[in-house]
């Protein structure tokens, strides 16, 4: 799995960091916890500046959609 590192902001939780950086939630937080096994020992709020490994999410390309113009 390809990863990259993000830095926690003041008062940030793991799920808030995941949402801020990746724009994802369900399922991704669990992947982050698997990548950072020691992070739970830090408590619910991460220390400011703590590095967190995040998975590189690959988003599938959306299929092309035809645009319908009602009055053309």
N, C-alpha and C. Protein backbone atom coordinates (compact mmCIF):
# COMPACT_ATOMS: atom_id res chain seq x y z
N UNK A 1 0.85 -1.18 0.00
CA UNK A 1 0.00 0.00 0.00
C UNK A 1 0.90 1.24 0.00
N UNK A 2 0.60 2.16 -0.87
CA UNK A 2 1.35 3.41 -0.94
C UNK A 2 0.81 4.37 0.11
N UNK A 3 1.74 5.01 0.84
CA UNK A 3 1.33 5.93 1.90
C UNK A 3 2.05 7.27 1.76
N UNK A 4 1.57 8.24 2.49
CA UNK A 4 2.24 9.53 2.64
C UNK A 4 1.98 10.02 4.05
N UNK A 5 2.68 11.05 4.47
CA UNK A 5 2.59 11.53 5.84
C UNK A 5 1.92 12.88 5.91
N UNK A 6 1.02 13.03 6.89
CA UNK A 6 0.37 14.31 7.18
C UNK A 6 0.68 14.66 8.62
N UNK A 7 0.58 15.93 8.95
CA UNK A 7 0.87 16.41 10.30
C UNK A 7 -0.41 16.86 10.97
N UNK A 8 -0.59 16.43 12.21
CA UNK A 8 -1.80 16.77 12.97
C UNK A 8 -1.78 18.25 13.36
N UNK A 9 -2.95 18.87 13.28
CA UNK A 9 -3.12 20.25 13.73
C UNK A 9 -3.52 20.24 15.20
N UNK A 10 -3.49 21.39 15.83
CA UNK A 10 -3.84 21.50 17.25
C UNK A 10 -5.28 21.06 17.48
N UNK A 11 -5.48 20.15 18.44
CA UNK A 11 -6.81 19.69 18.81
C UNK A 11 -7.45 18.73 17.83
N UNK A 12 -6.67 18.16 16.92
CA UNK A 12 -7.23 17.31 15.87
C UNK A 12 -7.28 15.84 16.30
N UNK A 13 -8.35 15.17 15.93
CA UNK A 13 -8.48 13.74 16.15
C UNK A 13 -8.10 13.01 14.86
N UNK A 14 -7.96 11.69 14.95
CA UNK A 14 -7.59 10.91 13.76
C UNK A 14 -8.65 11.06 12.67
N UNK A 15 -9.92 10.93 13.04
CA UNK A 15 -10.96 11.02 12.02
C UNK A 15 -11.05 12.43 11.41
N UNK A 16 -10.78 13.47 12.20
CA UNK A 16 -10.79 14.83 11.66
C UNK A 16 -9.61 15.02 10.69
N UNK A 17 -8.46 14.48 11.02
CA UNK A 17 -7.29 14.57 10.15
C UNK A 17 -7.55 13.84 8.84
N UNK A 18 -8.14 12.65 8.93
CA UNK A 18 -8.45 11.88 7.72
C UNK A 18 -9.43 12.64 6.84
N UNK A 19 -10.44 13.24 7.44
CA UNK A 19 -11.42 14.00 6.66
C UNK A 19 -10.78 15.24 6.03
N UNK A 20 -9.94 15.95 6.81
CA UNK A 20 -9.30 17.17 6.30
C UNK A 20 -8.37 16.88 5.14
N UNK A 21 -7.55 15.83 5.27
CA UNK A 21 -6.53 15.56 4.26
C UNK A 21 -7.07 14.74 3.09
N UNK A 22 -7.86 13.71 3.39
CA UNK A 22 -8.31 12.79 2.34
C UNK A 22 -9.74 13.02 1.89
N UNK A 23 -10.53 13.72 2.71
CA UNK A 23 -11.93 13.92 2.37
C UNK A 23 -12.71 12.62 2.44
N UNK A 24 -12.23 11.69 3.25
CA UNK A 24 -12.85 10.37 3.36
C UNK A 24 -13.07 10.05 4.83
N UNK A 25 -13.97 9.12 5.08
CA UNK A 25 -14.25 8.76 6.46
C UNK A 25 -14.34 7.26 6.65
N UNK A 26 -15.51 6.72 6.43
CA UNK A 26 -15.79 5.32 6.71
C UNK A 26 -14.80 4.38 6.04
N UNK A 27 -14.18 3.54 6.83
CA UNK A 27 -13.23 2.56 6.31
C UNK A 27 -11.81 3.09 6.23
N UNK A 28 -11.66 4.37 5.95
CA UNK A 28 -10.32 4.95 5.82
C UNK A 28 -9.68 5.15 7.19
N UNK A 29 -10.45 5.53 8.20
CA UNK A 29 -9.92 5.71 9.54
C UNK A 29 -9.33 4.40 10.05
N UNK A 30 -10.01 3.30 9.75
CA UNK A 30 -9.51 1.99 10.17
C UNK A 30 -8.18 1.68 9.48
N UNK A 31 -8.04 2.03 8.21
CA UNK A 31 -6.77 1.83 7.50
C UNK A 31 -5.66 2.66 8.15
N UNK A 32 -5.98 3.88 8.54
CA UNK A 32 -4.99 4.75 9.18
C UNK A 32 -4.57 4.17 10.53
N UNK A 33 -5.52 3.64 11.28
CA UNK A 33 -5.18 3.03 12.56
C UNK A 33 -4.31 1.79 12.37
N UNK A 34 -4.54 1.03 11.31
CA UNK A 34 -3.69 -0.12 11.00
C UNK A 34 -2.28 0.31 10.63
N UNK A 35 -2.15 1.42 9.91
CA UNK A 35 -0.84 1.92 9.51
C UNK A 35 -0.06 2.52 10.68
N UNK A 36 -0.78 3.05 11.66
CA UNK A 36 -0.17 3.74 12.81
C UNK A 36 -0.58 3.03 14.09
N UNK A 37 -0.01 1.86 14.32
CA UNK A 37 -0.41 1.00 15.44
C UNK A 37 -0.25 1.69 16.81
N UNK A 38 0.69 2.58 16.96
CA UNK A 38 0.95 3.22 18.25
C UNK A 38 0.12 4.47 18.50
N UNK A 39 -0.68 4.88 17.54
CA UNK A 39 -1.39 6.16 17.64
C UNK A 39 -2.50 6.14 18.71
N UNK A 40 -3.08 4.99 18.99
CA UNK A 40 -4.15 4.92 19.99
C UNK A 40 -3.63 5.26 21.38
N UNK A 41 -2.35 5.01 21.64
CA UNK A 41 -1.77 5.32 22.95
C UNK A 41 -1.68 6.82 23.20
N UNK A 42 -1.82 7.64 22.17
CA UNK A 42 -1.73 9.09 22.30
C UNK A 42 -3.02 9.71 22.83
N UNK A 43 -4.10 8.94 22.83
CA UNK A 43 -5.38 9.45 23.29
C UNK A 43 -6.24 9.91 22.12
N UNK A 44 -7.44 10.43 22.42
CA UNK A 44 -8.35 10.81 21.35
C UNK A 44 -7.90 12.03 20.54
N UNK A 45 -7.18 12.94 21.18
CA UNK A 45 -6.70 14.15 20.49
C UNK A 45 -5.21 13.99 20.25
N UNK A 46 -4.81 14.12 19.00
CA UNK A 46 -3.41 13.97 18.63
C UNK A 46 -2.60 15.19 19.06
N UNK A 47 -1.34 14.97 19.45
CA UNK A 47 -0.49 16.12 19.75
C UNK A 47 -0.23 16.93 18.48
N UNK A 48 -0.22 18.24 18.61
CA UNK A 48 0.03 19.10 17.46
C UNK A 48 1.39 18.78 16.85
N UNK A 49 1.41 18.61 15.53
CA UNK A 49 2.65 18.33 14.82
C UNK A 49 3.01 16.86 14.72
N UNK A 50 2.17 15.98 15.29
CA UNK A 50 2.46 14.54 15.24
C UNK A 50 2.30 14.03 13.80
N UNK A 51 3.31 13.32 13.28
CA UNK A 51 3.19 12.78 11.92
C UNK A 51 2.28 11.55 11.90
N UNK A 52 1.44 11.46 10.88
CA UNK A 52 0.50 10.35 10.73
C UNK A 52 0.62 9.83 9.30
N UNK A 53 0.86 8.52 9.17
CA UNK A 53 0.90 7.89 7.84
C UNK A 53 -0.52 7.68 7.35
N UNK A 54 -0.76 8.10 6.10
CA UNK A 54 -2.09 7.96 5.50
C UNK A 54 -1.97 7.16 4.21
N UNK A 55 -3.00 6.37 3.89
CA UNK A 55 -2.98 5.62 2.64
C UNK A 55 -3.27 6.54 1.46
N UNK A 56 -2.64 6.27 0.36
CA UNK A 56 -2.91 7.02 -0.87
C UNK A 56 -4.15 6.39 -1.50
N UNK A 57 -5.25 7.13 -1.48
CA UNK A 57 -6.52 6.61 -2.01
C UNK A 57 -6.59 6.85 -3.50
N UNK A 58 -6.93 5.82 -4.21
CA UNK A 58 -7.12 5.93 -5.65
C UNK A 58 -8.60 6.03 -5.92
N UNK A 59 -9.01 7.12 -6.53
CA UNK A 59 -10.42 7.30 -6.82
C UNK A 59 -10.71 6.87 -8.25
N UNK A 60 -11.70 6.05 -8.44
CA UNK A 60 -12.04 5.63 -9.80
C UNK A 60 -12.57 6.81 -10.60
N UNK A 61 -12.26 6.81 -11.87
CA UNK A 61 -12.76 7.87 -12.74
C UNK A 61 -14.25 7.72 -12.93
N UNK A 62 -14.94 8.83 -12.81
CA UNK A 62 -16.39 8.81 -13.02
C UNK A 62 -16.67 8.66 -14.51
N UNK A 63 -17.67 7.87 -14.86
CA UNK A 63 -17.99 7.72 -16.28
C UNK A 63 -18.49 9.04 -16.85
N UNK A 64 -18.19 9.27 -18.12
CA UNK A 64 -18.63 10.51 -18.78
C UNK A 64 -20.15 10.52 -18.86
N UNK A 65 -20.72 11.67 -18.59
CA UNK A 65 -22.17 11.79 -18.63
C UNK A 65 -22.55 12.77 -19.73
N UNK A 66 -23.56 12.42 -20.48
CA UNK A 66 -24.05 13.31 -21.53
C UNK A 66 -24.83 14.45 -20.88
N UNK A 67 -24.59 15.64 -21.36
CA UNK A 67 -25.30 16.81 -20.85
C UNK A 67 -26.55 17.03 -21.67
N UNK A 68 -27.66 17.15 -20.99
CA UNK A 68 -28.94 17.36 -21.66
C UNK A 68 -29.33 18.82 -21.48
N UNK A 69 -29.57 19.52 -22.59
CA UNK A 69 -30.03 20.90 -22.57
C UNK A 69 -31.52 20.89 -22.92
N UNK A 70 -32.33 21.32 -22.01
CA UNK A 70 -33.78 21.23 -22.21
C UNK A 70 -34.32 22.12 -23.31
N UNK A 71 -33.71 23.28 -23.53
CA UNK A 71 -34.27 24.23 -24.50
C UNK A 71 -33.41 24.42 -25.74
N UNK A 72 -32.60 23.47 -26.09
CA UNK A 72 -31.79 23.57 -27.31
C UNK A 72 -32.39 22.78 -28.43
